[in-house]
Amino acid sequence: GEEISRRLGISRTAIWKAVDALRR
């Protein structure tokens, strides 16, 4: 999650929401 946050410039919360949306 840290690497995703660093490379995309988004928060860990935004990552979690994105992953949840992808699963849906």
PDBML (XML) file of the C-alpha atoms, coordinates in Angstrom:
<?xml version="1.0" encoding="UTF-8" ?>
<PDBx:datablock datablockName="MODEL"
   xmlns:PDBx="http://pdbml.pdb.org/schema/pdbx-v50.xsd"
   xmlns:xsi="http://www.w3.org/2001/XMLSchema-instance"
   xsi:schemaLocation="http://pdbml.pdb.org/schema/pdbx-v50.xsd pdbx-v50.xsd">
   <PDBx:atom_siteCategory>
      <PDBx:atom_site id="1">
         <PDBx:B_iso_or_equiv>0.00</PDBx:B_iso_or_equiv>
         <PDBx:Cartn_x>0.000</PDBx:Cartn_x>
         <PDBx:Cartn_y>0.000</PDBx:Cartn_y>
         <PDBx:Cartn_z>0.000</PDBx:Cartn_z>
         <PDBx:auth_asym_id>A</PDBx:auth_asym_id>
         <PDBx:auth_atom_id>CA</PDBx:auth_atom_id>
         <PDBx:auth_comp_id>GLY</PDBx:auth_comp_id>
         <PDBx:auth_seq_id>1</PDBx:auth_seq_id>
         <PDBx:group_PDB>ATOM</PDBx:group_PDB>
         <PDBx:label_alt_id xsi:nil="true" />
         <PDBx:label_asym_id>A</PDBx:label_asym_id>
         <PDBx:label_atom_id>CA</PDBx:label_atom_id>
         <PDBx:label_comp_id>GLY</PDBx:label_comp_id>
         <PDBx:label_entity_id>1</PDBx:label_entity_id>
         <PDBx:label_seq_id>1</PDBx:label_seq_id>
         <PDBx:occupancy>1.00</PDBx:occupancy>
         <PDBx:pdbx_PDB_model_num>1</PDBx:pdbx_PDB_model_num>
         <PDBx:type_symbol>C</PDBx:type_symbol>
      </PDBx:atom_site>
      <PDBx:atom_site id="2">
         <PDBx:B_iso_or_equiv>0.00</PDBx:B_iso_or_equiv>
         <PDBx:Cartn_x>2.914</PDBx:Cartn_x>
         <PDBx:Cartn_y>2.333</PDBx:Cartn_y>
         <PDBx:Cartn_z>0.753</PDBx:Cartn_z>
         <PDBx:auth_asym_id>A</PDBx:auth_asym_id>
         <PDBx:auth_atom_id>CA</PDBx:auth_atom_id>
         <PDBx:auth_comp_id>GLU</PDBx:auth_comp_id>
         <PDBx:auth_seq_id>2</PDBx:auth_seq_id>
         <PDBx:group_PDB>ATOM</PDBx:group_PDB>
         <PDBx:label_alt_id xsi:nil="true" />
         <PDBx:label_asym_id>A</PDBx:label_asym_id>
         <PDBx:label_atom_id>CA</PDBx:label_atom_id>
         <PDBx:label_comp_id>GLU</PDBx:label_comp_id>
         <PDBx:label_entity_id>1</PDBx:label_entity_id>
         <PDBx:label_seq_id>2</PDBx:label_seq_id>
         <PDBx:occupancy>1.00</PDBx:occupancy>
         <PDBx:pdbx_PDB_model_num>1</PDBx:pdbx_PDB_model_num>
         <PDBx:type_symbol>C</PDBx:type_symbol>
      </PDBx:atom_site>
      <PDBx:atom_site id="3">
         <PDBx:B_iso_or_equiv>0.00</PDBx:B_iso_or_equiv>
         <PDBx:Cartn_x>4.340</PDBx:Cartn_x>
         <PDBx:Cartn_y>1.806</PDBx:Cartn_y>
         <PDBx:Cartn_z>-2.732</PDBx:Cartn_z>
         <PDBx:auth_asym_id>A</PDBx:auth_asym_id>
         <PDBx:auth_atom_id>CA</PDBx:auth_atom_id>
         <PDBx:auth_comp_id>GLU</PDBx:auth_comp_id>
         <PDBx:auth_seq_id>3</PDBx:auth_seq_id>
         <PDBx:group_PDB>ATOM</PDBx:group_PDB>
         <PDBx:label_alt_id xsi:nil="true" />
         <PDBx:label_asym_id>A</PDBx:label_asym_id>
         <PDBx:label_atom_id>CA</PDBx:label_atom_id>
         <PDBx:label_comp_id>GLU</PDBx:label_comp_id>
         <PDBx:label_entity_id>1</PDBx:label_entity_id>
         <PDBx:label_seq_id>3</PDBx:label_seq_id>
         <PDBx:occupancy>1.00</PDBx:occupancy>
         <PDBx:pdbx_PDB_model_num>1</PDBx:pdbx_PDB_model_num>
         <PDBx:type_symbol>C</PDBx:type_symbol>
      </PDBx:atom_site>
      <PDBx:atom_site id="4">
         <PDBx:B_iso_or_equiv>0.00</PDBx:B_iso_or_equiv>
         <PDBx:Cartn_x>0.961</PDBx:Cartn_x>
         <PDBx:Cartn_y>2.346</PDBx:Cartn_y>
         <PDBx:Cartn_z>-4.386</PDBx:Cartn_z>
         <PDBx:auth_asym_id>A</PDBx:auth_asym_id>
         <PDBx:auth_atom_id>CA</PDBx:auth_atom_id>
         <PDBx:auth_comp_id>ILE</PDBx:auth_comp_id>
         <PDBx:auth_seq_id>4</PDBx:auth_seq_id>
         <PDBx:group_PDB>ATOM</PDBx:group_PDB>
         <PDBx:label_alt_id xsi:nil="true" />
         <PDBx:label_asym_id>A</PDBx:label_asym_id>
         <PDBx:label_atom_id>CA</PDBx:label_atom_id>
         <PDBx:label_comp_id>ILE</PDBx:label_comp_id>
         <PDBx:label_entity_id>1</PDBx:label_entity_id>
         <PDBx:label_seq_id>4</PDBx:label_seq_id>
         <PDBx:occupancy>1.00</PDBx:occupancy>
         <PDBx:pdbx_PDB_model_num>1</PDBx:pdbx_PDB_model_num>
         <PDBx:type_symbol>C</PDBx:type_symbol>
      </PDBx:atom_site>
      <PDBx:atom_site id="5">
         <PDBx:B_iso_or_equiv>0.00</PDBx:B_iso_or_equiv>
         <PDBx:Cartn_x>0.488</PDBx:Cartn_x>
         <PDBx:Cartn_y>5.513</PDBx:Cartn_y>
         <PDBx:Cartn_z>-2.362</PDBx:Cartn_z>
         <PDBx:auth_asym_id>A</PDBx:auth_asym_id>
         <PDBx:auth_atom_id>CA</PDBx:auth_atom_id>
         <PDBx:auth_comp_id>SER</PDBx:auth_comp_id>
         <PDBx:auth_seq_id>5</PDBx:auth_seq_id>
         <PDBx:group_PDB>ATOM</PDBx:group_PDB>
         <PDBx:label_alt_id xsi:nil="true" />
         <PDBx:label_asym_id>A</PDBx:label_asym_id>
         <PDBx:label_atom_id>CA</PDBx:label_atom_id>
         <PDBx:label_comp_id>SER</PDBx:label_comp_id>
         <PDBx:label_entity_id>1</PDBx:label_entity_id>
         <PDBx:label_seq_id>5</PDBx:label_seq_id>
         <PDBx:occupancy>1.00</PDBx:occupancy>
         <PDBx:pdbx_PDB_model_num>1</PDBx:pdbx_PDB_model_num>
         <PDBx:type_symbol>C</PDBx:type_symbol>
      </PDBx:atom_site>
      <PDBx:atom_site id="6">
         <PDBx:B_iso_or_equiv>0.00</PDBx:B_iso_or_equiv>
         <PDBx:Cartn_x>3.928</PDBx:Cartn_x>
         <PDBx:Cartn_y>6.792</PDBx:Cartn_y>
         <PDBx:Cartn_z>-3.319</PDBx:Cartn_z>
         <PDBx:auth_asym_id>A</PDBx:auth_asym_id>
         <PDBx:auth_atom_id>CA</PDBx:auth_atom_id>
         <PDBx:auth_comp_id>ARG</PDBx:auth_comp_id>
         <PDBx:auth_seq_id>6</PDBx:auth_seq_id>
         <PDBx:group_PDB>ATOM</PDBx:group_PDB>
         <PDBx:label_alt_id xsi:nil="true" />
         <PDBx:label_asym_id>A</PDBx:label_asym_id>
         <PDBx:label_atom_id>CA</PDBx:label_atom_id>
         <PDBx:label_comp_id>ARG</PDBx:label_comp_id>
         <PDBx:label_entity_id>1</PDBx:label_entity_id>
         <PDBx:label_seq_id>6</PDBx:label_seq_id>
         <PDBx:occupancy>1.00</PDBx:occupancy>
         <PDBx:pdbx_PDB_model_num>1</PDBx:pdbx_PDB_model_num>
         <PDBx:type_symbol>C</PDBx:type_symbol>
      </PDBx:atom_site>
      <PDBx:atom_site id="7">
         <PDBx:B_iso_or_equiv>0.00</PDBx:B_iso_or_equiv>
         <PDBx:Cartn_x>3.618</PDBx:Cartn_x>
         <PDBx:Cartn_y>6.004</PDBx:Cartn_y>
         <PDBx:Cartn_z>-7.032</PDBx:Cartn_z>
         <PDBx:auth_asym_id>A</PDBx:auth_asym_id>
         <PDBx:auth_atom_id>CA</PDBx:auth_atom_id>
         <PDBx:auth_comp_id>ARG</PDBx:auth_comp_id>
         <PDBx:auth_seq_id>7</PDBx:auth_seq_id>
         <PDBx:group_PDB>ATOM</PDBx:group_PDB>
         <PDBx:label_alt_id xsi:nil="true" />
         <PDBx:label_asym_id>A</PDBx:label_asym_id>
         <PDBx:label_atom_id>CA</PDBx:label_atom_id>
         <PDBx:label_comp_id>ARG</PDBx:label_comp_id>
         <PDBx:label_entity_id>1</PDBx:label_entity_id>
         <PDBx:label_seq_id>7</PDBx:label_seq_id>
         <PDBx:occupancy>1.00</PDBx:occupancy>
         <PDBx:pdbx_PDB_model_num>1</PDBx:pdbx_PDB_model_num>
         <PDBx:type_symbol>C</PDBx:type_symbol>
      </PDBx:atom_site>
      <PDBx:atom_site id="8">
         <PDBx:B_iso_or_equiv>0.00</PDBx:B_iso_or_equiv>
         <PDBx:Cartn_x>0.071</PDBx:Cartn_x>
         <PDBx:Cartn_y>7.264</PDBx:Cartn_y>
         <PDBx:Cartn_z>-7.507</PDBx:Cartn_z>
         <PDBx:auth_asym_id>A</PDBx:auth_asym_id>
         <PDBx:auth_atom_id>CA</PDBx:auth_atom_id>
         <PDBx:auth_comp_id>LEU</PDBx:auth_comp_id>
         <PDBx:auth_seq_id>8</PDBx:auth_seq_id>
         <PDBx:group_PDB>ATOM</PDBx:group_PDB>
         <PDBx:label_alt_id xsi:nil="true" />
         <PDBx:label_asym_id>A</PDBx:label_asym_id>
         <PDBx:label_atom_id>CA</PDBx:label_atom_id>
         <PDBx:label_comp_id>LEU</PDBx:label_comp_id>
         <PDBx:label_entity_id>1</PDBx:label_entity_id>
         <PDBx:label_seq_id>8</PDBx:label_seq_id>
         <PDBx:occupancy>1.00</PDBx:occupancy>
         <PDBx:pdbx_PDB_model_num>1</PDBx:pdbx_PDB_model_num>
         <PDBx:type_symbol>C</PDBx:type_symbol>
      </PDBx:atom_site>
      <PDBx:atom_site id="9">
         <PDBx:B_iso_or_equiv>0.00</PDBx:B_iso_or_equiv>
         <PDBx:Cartn_x>0.069</PDBx:Cartn_x>
         <PDBx:Cartn_y>10.101</PDBx:Cartn_y>
         <PDBx:Cartn_z>-5.000</PDBx:Cartn_z>
         <PDBx:auth_asym_id>A</PDBx:auth_asym_id>
         <PDBx:auth_atom_id>CA</PDBx:auth_atom_id>
         <PDBx:auth_comp_id>GLY</PDBx:auth_comp_id>
         <PDBx:auth_seq_id>9</PDBx:auth_seq_id>
         <PDBx:group_PDB>ATOM</PDBx:group_PDB>
         <PDBx:label_alt_id xsi:nil="true" />
         <PDBx:label_asym_id>A</PDBx:label_asym_id>
         <PDBx:label_atom_id>CA</PDBx:label_atom_id>
         <PDBx:label_comp_id>GLY</PDBx:label_comp_id>
         <PDBx:label_entity_id>1</PDBx:label_entity_id>
         <PDBx:label_seq_id>9</PDBx:label_seq_id>
         <PDBx:occupancy>1.00</PDBx:occupancy>
         <PDBx:pdbx_PDB_model_num>1</PDBx:pdbx_PDB_model_num>
         <PDBx:type_symbol>C</PDBx:type_symbol>
      </PDBx:atom_site>
      <PDBx:atom_site id="10">
         <PDBx:B_iso_or_equiv>0.00</PDBx:B_iso_or_equiv>
         <PDBx:Cartn_x>-3.095</PDBx:Cartn_x>
         <PDBx:Cartn_y>8.946</PDBx:Cartn_y>
         <PDBx:Cartn_z>-3.258</PDBx:Cartn_z>
         <PDBx:auth_asym_id>A</PDBx:auth_asym_id>
         <PDBx:auth_atom_id>CA</PDBx:auth_atom_id>
         <PDBx:auth_comp_id>ILE</PDBx:auth_comp_id>
         <PDBx:auth_seq_id>10</PDBx:auth_seq_id>
         <PDBx:group_PDB>ATOM</PDBx:group_PDB>
         <PDBx:label_alt_id xsi:nil="true" />
         <PDBx:label_asym_id>A</PDBx:label_asym_id>
         <PDBx:label_atom_id>CA</PDBx:label_atom_id>
         <PDBx:label_comp_id>ILE</PDBx:label_comp_id>
         <PDBx:label_entity_id>1</PDBx:label_entity_id>
         <PDBx:label_seq_id>10</PDBx:label_seq_id>
         <PDBx:occupancy>1.00</PDBx:occupancy>
         <PDBx:pdbx_PDB_model_num>1</PDBx:pdbx_PDB_model_num>
         <PDBx:type_symbol>C</PDBx:type_symbol>
      </PDBx:atom_site>
      <PDBx:atom_site id="11">
         <PDBx:B_iso_or_equiv>0.00</PDBx:B_iso_or_equiv>
         <PDBx:Cartn_x>-3.900</PDBx:Cartn_x>
         <PDBx:Cartn_y>8.119</PDBx:Cartn_y>
         <PDBx:Cartn_z>0.355</PDBx:Cartn_z>
         <PDBx:auth_asym_id>A</PDBx:auth_asym_id>
         <PDBx:auth_atom_id>CA</PDBx:auth_atom_id>
         <PDBx:auth_comp_id>SER</PDBx:auth_comp_id>
         <PDBx:auth_seq_id>11</PDBx:auth_seq_id>
         <PDBx:group_PDB>ATOM</PDBx:group_PDB>
         <PDBx:label_alt_id xsi:nil="true" />
         <PDBx:label_asym_id>A</PDBx:label_asym_id>
         <PDBx:label_atom_id>CA</PDBx:label_atom_id>
         <PDBx:label_comp_id>SER</PDBx:label_comp_id>
         <PDBx:label_entity_id>1</PDBx:label_entity_id>
         <PDBx:label_seq_id>11</PDBx:label_seq_id>
         <PDBx:occupancy>1.00</PDBx:occupancy>
         <PDBx:pdbx_PDB_model_num>1</PDBx:pdbx_PDB_model_num>
         <PDBx:type_symbol>C</PDBx:type_symbol>
      </PDBx:atom_site>
      <PDBx:atom_site id="12">
         <PDBx:B_iso_or_equiv>0.00</PDBx:B_iso_or_equiv>
         <PDBx:Cartn_x>-4.119</PDBx:Cartn_x>
         <PDBx:Cartn_y>4.630</PDBx:Cartn_y>
         <PDBx:Cartn_z>1.864</PDBx:Cartn_z>
         <PDBx:auth_asym_id>A</PDBx:auth_asym_id>
         <PDBx:auth_atom_id>CA</PDBx:auth_atom_id>
         <PDBx:auth_comp_id>ARG</PDBx:auth_comp_id>
         <PDBx:auth_seq_id>12</PDBx:auth_seq_id>
         <PDBx:group_PDB>ATOM</PDBx:group_PDB>
         <PDBx:label_alt_id xsi:nil="true" />
         <PDBx:label_asym_id>A</PDBx:label_asym_id>
         <PDBx:label_atom_id>CA</PDBx:label_atom_id>
         <PDBx:label_comp_id>ARG</PDBx:label_comp_id>
         <PDBx:label_entity_id>1</PDBx:label_entity_id>
         <PDBx:label_seq_id>12</PDBx:label_seq_id>
         <PDBx:occupancy>1.00</PDBx:occupancy>
         <PDBx:pdbx_PDB_model_num>1</PDBx:pdbx_PDB_model_num>
         <PDBx:type_symbol>C</PDBx:type_symbol>
      </PDBx:atom_site>
      <PDBx:atom_site id="13">
         <PDBx:B_iso_or_equiv>0.00</PDBx:B_iso_or_equiv>
         <PDBx:Cartn_x>-7.841</PDBx:Cartn_x>
         <PDBx:Cartn_y>5.234</PDBx:Cartn_y>
         <PDBx:Cartn_z>2.352</PDBx:Cartn_z>
         <PDBx:auth_asym_id>A</PDBx:auth_asym_id>
         <PDBx:auth_atom_id>CA</PDBx:auth_atom_id>
         <PDBx:auth_comp_id>THR</PDBx:auth_comp_id>
         <PDBx:auth_seq_id>13</PDBx:auth_seq_id>
         <PDBx:group_PDB>ATOM</PDBx:group_PDB>
         <PDBx:label_alt_id xsi:nil="true" />
         <PDBx:label_asym_id>A</PDBx:label_asym_id>
         <PDBx:label_atom_id>CA</PDBx:label_atom_id>
         <PDBx:label_comp_id>THR</PDBx:label_comp_id>
         <PDBx:label_entity_id>1</PDBx:label_entity_id>
         <PDBx:label_seq_id>13</PDBx:label_seq_id>
         <PDBx:occupancy>1.00</PDBx:occupancy>
         <PDBx:pdbx_PDB_model_num>1</PDBx:pdbx_PDB_model_num>
         <PDBx:type_symbol>C</PDBx:type_symbol>
      </PDBx:atom_site>
      <PDBx:atom_site id="14">
         <PDBx:B_iso_or_equiv>0.00</PDBx:B_iso_or_equiv>
         <PDBx:Cartn_x>-8.233</PDBx:Cartn_x>
         <PDBx:Cartn_y>6.022</PDBx:Cartn_y>
         <PDBx:Cartn_z>-1.352</PDBx:Cartn_z>
         <PDBx:auth_asym_id>A</PDBx:auth_asym_id>
         <PDBx:auth_atom_id>CA</PDBx:auth_atom_id>
         <PDBx:auth_comp_id>ALA</PDBx:auth_comp_id>
         <PDBx:auth_seq_id>14</PDBx:auth_seq_id>
         <PDBx:group_PDB>ATOM</PDBx:group_PDB>
         <PDBx:label_alt_id xsi:nil="true" />
         <PDBx:label_asym_id>A</PDBx:label_asym_id>
         <PDBx:label_atom_id>CA</PDBx:label_atom_id>
         <PDBx:label_comp_id>ALA</PDBx:label_comp_id>
         <PDBx:label_entity_id>1</PDBx:label_entity_id>
         <PDBx:label_seq_id>14</PDBx:label_seq_id>
         <PDBx:occupancy>1.00</PDBx:occupancy>
         <PDBx:pdbx_PDB_model_num>1</PDBx:pdbx_PDB_model_num>
         <PDBx:type_symbol>C</PDBx:type_symbol>
      </PDBx:atom_site>
      <PDBx:atom_site id="15">
         <PDBx:B_iso_or_equiv>0.00</PDBx:B_iso_or_equiv>
         <PDBx:Cartn_x>-6.372</PDBx:Cartn_x>
         <PDBx:Cartn_y>2.795</PDBx:Cartn_y>
         <PDBx:Cartn_z>-2.173</PDBx:Cartn_z>
         <PDBx:auth_asym_id>A</PDBx:auth_asym_id>
         <PDBx:auth_atom_id>CA</PDBx:auth_atom_id>
         <PDBx:auth_comp_id>ILE</PDBx:auth_comp_id>
         <PDBx:auth_seq_id>15</PDBx:auth_seq_id>
         <PDBx:group_PDB>ATOM</PDBx:group_PDB>
         <PDBx:label_alt_id xsi:nil="true" />
         <PDBx:label_asym_id>A</PDBx:label_asym_id>
         <PDBx:label_atom_id>CA</PDBx:label_atom_id>
         <PDBx:label_comp_id>ILE</PDBx:label_comp_id>
         <PDBx:label_entity_id>1</PDBx:label_entity_id>
         <PDBx:label_seq_id>15</PDBx:label_seq_id>
         <PDBx:occupancy>1.00</PDBx:occupancy>
         <PDBx:pdbx_PDB_model_num>1</PDBx:pdbx_PDB_model_num>
         <PDBx:type_symbol>C</PDBx:type_symbol>
      </PDBx:atom_site>
      <PDBx:atom_site id="16">
         <PDBx:B_iso_or_equiv>0.00</PDBx:B_iso_or_equiv>
         <PDBx:Cartn_x>-8.698</PDBx:Cartn_x>
         <PDBx:Cartn_y>0.764</PDBx:Cartn_y>
         <PDBx:Cartn_z>0.018</PDBx:Cartn_z>
         <PDBx:auth_asym_id>A</PDBx:auth_asym_id>
         <PDBx:auth_atom_id>CA</PDBx:auth_atom_id>
         <PDBx:auth_comp_id>TRP</PDBx:auth_comp_id>
         <PDBx:auth_seq_id>16</PDBx:auth_seq_id>
         <PDBx:group_PDB>ATOM</PDBx:group_PDB>
         <PDBx:label_alt_id xsi:nil="true" />
         <PDBx:label_asym_id>A</PDBx:label_asym_id>
         <PDBx:label_atom_id>CA</PDBx:label_atom_id>
         <PDBx:label_comp_id>TRP</PDBx:label_comp_id>
         <PDBx:label_entity_id>1</PDBx:label_entity_id>
         <PDBx:label_seq_id>16</PDBx:label_seq_id>
         <PDBx:occupancy>1.00</PDBx:occupancy>
         <PDBx:pdbx_PDB_model_num>1</PDBx:pdbx_PDB_model_num>
         <PDBx:type_symbol>C</PDBx:type_symbol>
      </PDBx:atom_site>
      <PDBx:atom_site id="17">
         <PDBx:B_iso_or_equiv>0.00</PDBx:B_iso_or_equiv>
         <PDBx:Cartn_x>-11.759</PDBx:Cartn_x>
         <PDBx:Cartn_y>2.358</PDBx:Cartn_y>
         <PDBx:Cartn_z>-1.595</PDBx:Cartn_z>
         <PDBx:auth_asym_id>A</PDBx:auth_asym_id>
         <PDBx:auth_atom_id>CA</PDBx:auth_atom_id>
         <PDBx:auth_comp_id>LYS</PDBx:auth_comp_id>
         <PDBx:auth_seq_id>17</PDBx:auth_seq_id>
         <PDBx:group_PDB>ATOM</PDBx:group_PDB>
         <PDBx:label_alt_id xsi:nil="true" />
         <PDBx:label_asym_id>A</PDBx:label_asym_id>
         <PDBx:label_atom_id>CA</PDBx:label_atom_id>
         <PDBx:label_comp_id>LYS</PDBx:label_comp_id>
         <PDBx:label_entity_id>1</PDBx:label_entity_id>
         <PDBx:label_seq_id>17</PDBx:label_seq_id>
         <PDBx:occupancy>1.00</PDBx:occupancy>
         <PDBx:pdbx_PDB_model_num>1</PDBx:pdbx_PDB_model_num>
         <PDBx:type_symbol>C</PDBx:type_symbol>
      </PDBx:atom_site>
      <PDBx:atom_site id="18">
         <PDBx:B_iso_or_equiv>0.00</PDBx:B_iso_or_equiv>
         <PDBx:Cartn_x>-10.334</PDBx:Cartn_x>
         <PDBx:Cartn_y>1.704</PDBx:Cartn_y>
         <PDBx:Cartn_z>-5.074</PDBx:Cartn_z>
         <PDBx:auth_asym_id>A</PDBx:auth_asym_id>
         <PDBx:auth_atom_id>CA</PDBx:auth_atom_id>
         <PDBx:auth_comp_id>ALA</PDBx:auth_comp_id>
         <PDBx:auth_seq_id>18</PDBx:auth_seq_id>
         <PDBx:group_PDB>ATOM</PDBx:group_PDB>
         <PDBx:label_alt_id xsi:nil="true" />
         <PDBx:label_asym_id>A</PDBx:label_asym_id>
         <PDBx:label_atom_id>CA</PDBx:label_atom_id>
         <PDBx:label_comp_id>ALA</PDBx:label_comp_id>
         <PDBx:label_entity_id>1</PDBx:label_entity_id>
         <PDBx:label_seq_id>18</PDBx:label_seq_id>
         <PDBx:occupancy>1.00</PDBx:occupancy>
         <PDBx:pdbx_PDB_model_num>1</PDBx:pdbx_PDB_model_num>
         <PDBx:type_symbol>C</PDBx:type_symbol>
      </PDBx:atom_site>
      <PDBx:atom_site id="19">
         <PDBx:B_iso_or_equiv>0.00</PDBx:B_iso_or_equiv>
         <PDBx:Cartn_x>-9.676</PDBx:Cartn_x>
         <PDBx:Cartn_y>-1.963</PDBx:Cartn_y>
         <PDBx:Cartn_z>-4.258</PDBx:Cartn_z>
         <PDBx:auth_asym_id>A</PDBx:auth_asym_id>
         <PDBx:auth_atom_id>CA</PDBx:auth_atom_id>
         <PDBx:auth_comp_id>VAL</PDBx:auth_comp_id>
         <PDBx:auth_seq_id>19</PDBx:auth_seq_id>
         <PDBx:group_PDB>ATOM</PDBx:group_PDB>
         <PDBx:label_alt_id xsi:nil="true" />
         <PDBx:label_asym_id>A</PDBx:label_asym_id>
         <PDBx:label_atom_id>CA</PDBx:label_atom_id>
         <PDBx:label_comp_id>VAL</PDBx:label_comp_id>
         <PDBx:label_entity_id>1</PDBx:label_entity_id>
         <PDBx:label_seq_id>19</PDBx:label_seq_id>
         <PDBx:occupancy>1.00</PDBx:occupancy>
         <PDBx:pdbx_PDB_model_num>1</PDBx:pdbx_PDB_model_num>
         <PDBx:type_symbol>C</PDBx:type_symbol>
      </PDBx:atom_site>
      <PDBx:atom_site id="20">
         <PDBx:B_iso_or_equiv>0.00</PDBx:B_iso_or_equiv>
         <PDBx:Cartn_x>-13.170</PDBx:Cartn_x>
         <PDBx:Cartn_y>-2.320</PDBx:Cartn_y>
         <PDBx:Cartn_z>-2.815</PDBx:Cartn_z>
         <PDBx:auth_asym_id>A</PDBx:auth_asym_id>
         <PDBx:auth_atom_id>CA</PDBx:auth_atom_id>
         <PDBx:auth_comp_id>ASP</PDBx:auth_comp_id>
         <PDBx:auth_seq_id>20</PDBx:auth_seq_id>
         <PDBx:group_PDB>ATOM</PDBx:group_PDB>
         <PDBx:label_alt_id xsi:nil="true" />
         <PDBx:label_asym_id>A</PDBx:label_asym_id>
         <PDBx:label_atom_id>CA</PDBx:label_atom_id>
         <PDBx:label_comp_id>ASP</PDBx:label_comp_id>
         <PDBx:label_entity_id>1</PDBx:label_entity_id>
         <PDBx:label_seq_id>20</PDBx:label_seq_id>
         <PDBx:occupancy>1.00</PDBx:occupancy>
         <PDBx:pdbx_PDB_model_num>1</PDBx:pdbx_PDB_model_num>
         <PDBx:type_symbol>C</PDBx:type_symbol>
      </PDBx:atom_site>
      <PDBx:atom_site id="21">
         <PDBx:B_iso_or_equiv>0.00</PDBx:B_iso_or_equiv>
         <PDBx:Cartn_x>-14.672</PDBx:Cartn_x>
         <PDBx:Cartn_y>-0.822</PDBx:Cartn_y>
         <PDBx:Cartn_z>-5.978</PDBx:Cartn_z>
         <PDBx:auth_asym_id>A</PDBx:auth_asym_id>
         <PDBx:auth_atom_id>CA</PDBx:auth_atom_id>
         <PDBx:auth_comp_id>ALA</PDBx:auth_comp_id>
         <PDBx:auth_seq_id>21</PDBx:auth_seq_id>
         <PDBx:group_PDB>ATOM</PDBx:group_PDB>
         <PDBx:label_alt_id xsi:nil="true" />
         <PDBx:label_asym_id>A</PDBx:label_asym_id>
         <PDBx:label_atom_id>CA</PDBx:label_atom_id>
         <PDBx:label_comp_id>ALA</PDBx:label_comp_id>
         <PDBx:label_entity_id>1</PDBx:label_entity_id>
         <PDBx:label_seq_id>21</PDBx:label_seq_id>
         <PDBx:occupancy>1.00</PDBx:occupancy>
         <PDBx:pdbx_PDB_model_num>1</PDBx:pdbx_PDB_model_num>
         <PDBx:type_symbol>C</PDBx:type_symbol>
      </PDBx:atom_site>
      <PDBx:atom_site id="22">
         <PDBx:B_iso_or_equiv>0.00</PDBx:B_iso_or_equiv>
         <PDBx:Cartn_x>-12.631</PDBx:Cartn_x>
         <PDBx:Cartn_y>-3.185</PDBx:Cartn_y>
         <PDBx:Cartn_z>-8.166</PDBx:Cartn_z>
         <PDBx:auth_asym_id>A</PDBx:auth_asym_id>
         <PDBx:auth_atom_id>CA</PDBx:auth_atom_id>
         <PDBx:auth_comp_id>LEU</PDBx:auth_comp_id>
         <PDBx:auth_seq_id>22</PDBx:auth_seq_id>
         <PDBx:group_PDB>ATOM</PDBx:group_PDB>
         <PDBx:label_alt_id xsi:nil="true" />
         <PDBx:label_asym_id>A</PDBx:label_asym_id>
         <PDBx:label_atom_id>CA</PDBx:label_atom_id>
         <PDBx:label_comp_id>LEU</PDBx:label_comp_id>
         <PDBx:label_entity_id>1</PDBx:label_entity_id>
         <PDBx:label_seq_id>22</PDBx:label_seq_id>
         <PDBx:occupancy>1.00</PDBx:occupancy>
         <PDBx:pdbx_PDB_model_num>1</PDBx:pdbx_PDB_model_num>
         <PDBx:type_symbol>C</PDBx:type_symbol>
      </PDBx:atom_site>
      <PDBx:atom_site id="23">
         <PDBx:B_iso_or_equiv>0.00</PDBx:B_iso_or_equiv>
         <PDBx:Cartn_x>-13.842</PDBx:Cartn_x>
         <PDBx:Cartn_y>-6.178</PDBx:Cartn_y>
         <PDBx:Cartn_z>-6.185</PDBx:Cartn_z>
         <PDBx:auth_asym_id>A</PDBx:auth_asym_id>
         <PDBx:auth_atom_id>CA</PDBx:auth_atom_id>
         <PDBx:auth_comp_id>ARG</PDBx:auth_comp_id>
         <PDBx:auth_seq_id>23</PDBx:auth_seq_id>
         <PDBx:group_PDB>ATOM</PDBx:group_PDB>
         <PDBx:label_alt_id xsi:nil="true" />
         <PDBx:label_asym_id>A</PDBx:label_asym_id>
         <PDBx:label_atom_id>CA</PDBx:label_atom_id>
         <PDBx:label_comp_id>ARG</PDBx:label_comp_id>
         <PDBx:label_entity_id>1</PDBx:label_entity_id>
         <PDBx:label_seq_id>23</PDBx:label_seq_id>
         <PDBx:occupancy>1.00</PDBx:occupancy>
         <PDBx:pdbx_PDB_model_num>1</PDBx:pdbx_PDB_model_num>
         <PDBx:type_symbol>C</PDBx:type_symbol>
      </PDBx:atom_site>
      <PDBx:atom_site id="24">
         <PDBx:B_iso_or_equiv>0.00</PDBx:B_iso_or_equiv>
         <PDBx:Cartn_x>-17.435</PDBx:Cartn_x>
         <PDBx:Cartn_y>-5.075</PDBx:Cartn_y>
         <PDBx:Cartn_z>-6.643</PDBx:Cartn_z>
         <PDBx:auth_asym_id>A</PDBx:auth_asym_id>
         <PDBx:auth_atom_id>CA</PDBx:auth_atom_id>
         <PDBx:auth_comp_id>ARG</PDBx:auth_comp_id>
         <PDBx:auth_seq_id>24</PDBx:auth_seq_id>
         <PDBx:group_PDB>ATOM</PDBx:group_PDB>
         <PDBx:label_alt_id xsi:nil="true" />
         <PDBx:label_asym_id>A</PDBx:label_asym_id>
         <PDBx:label_atom_id>CA</PDBx:label_atom_id>
         <PDBx:label_comp_id>ARG</PDBx:label_comp_id>
         <PDBx:label_entity_id>1</PDBx:label_entity_id>
         <PDBx:label_seq_id>24</PDBx:label_seq_id>
         <PDBx:occupancy>1.00</PDBx:occupancy>
         <PDBx:pdbx_PDB_model_num>1</PDBx:pdbx_PDB_model_num>
         <PDBx:type_symbol>C</PDBx:type_symbol>
      </PDBx:atom_site>
   </PDBx:atom_siteCategory>
</PDBx:datablock>
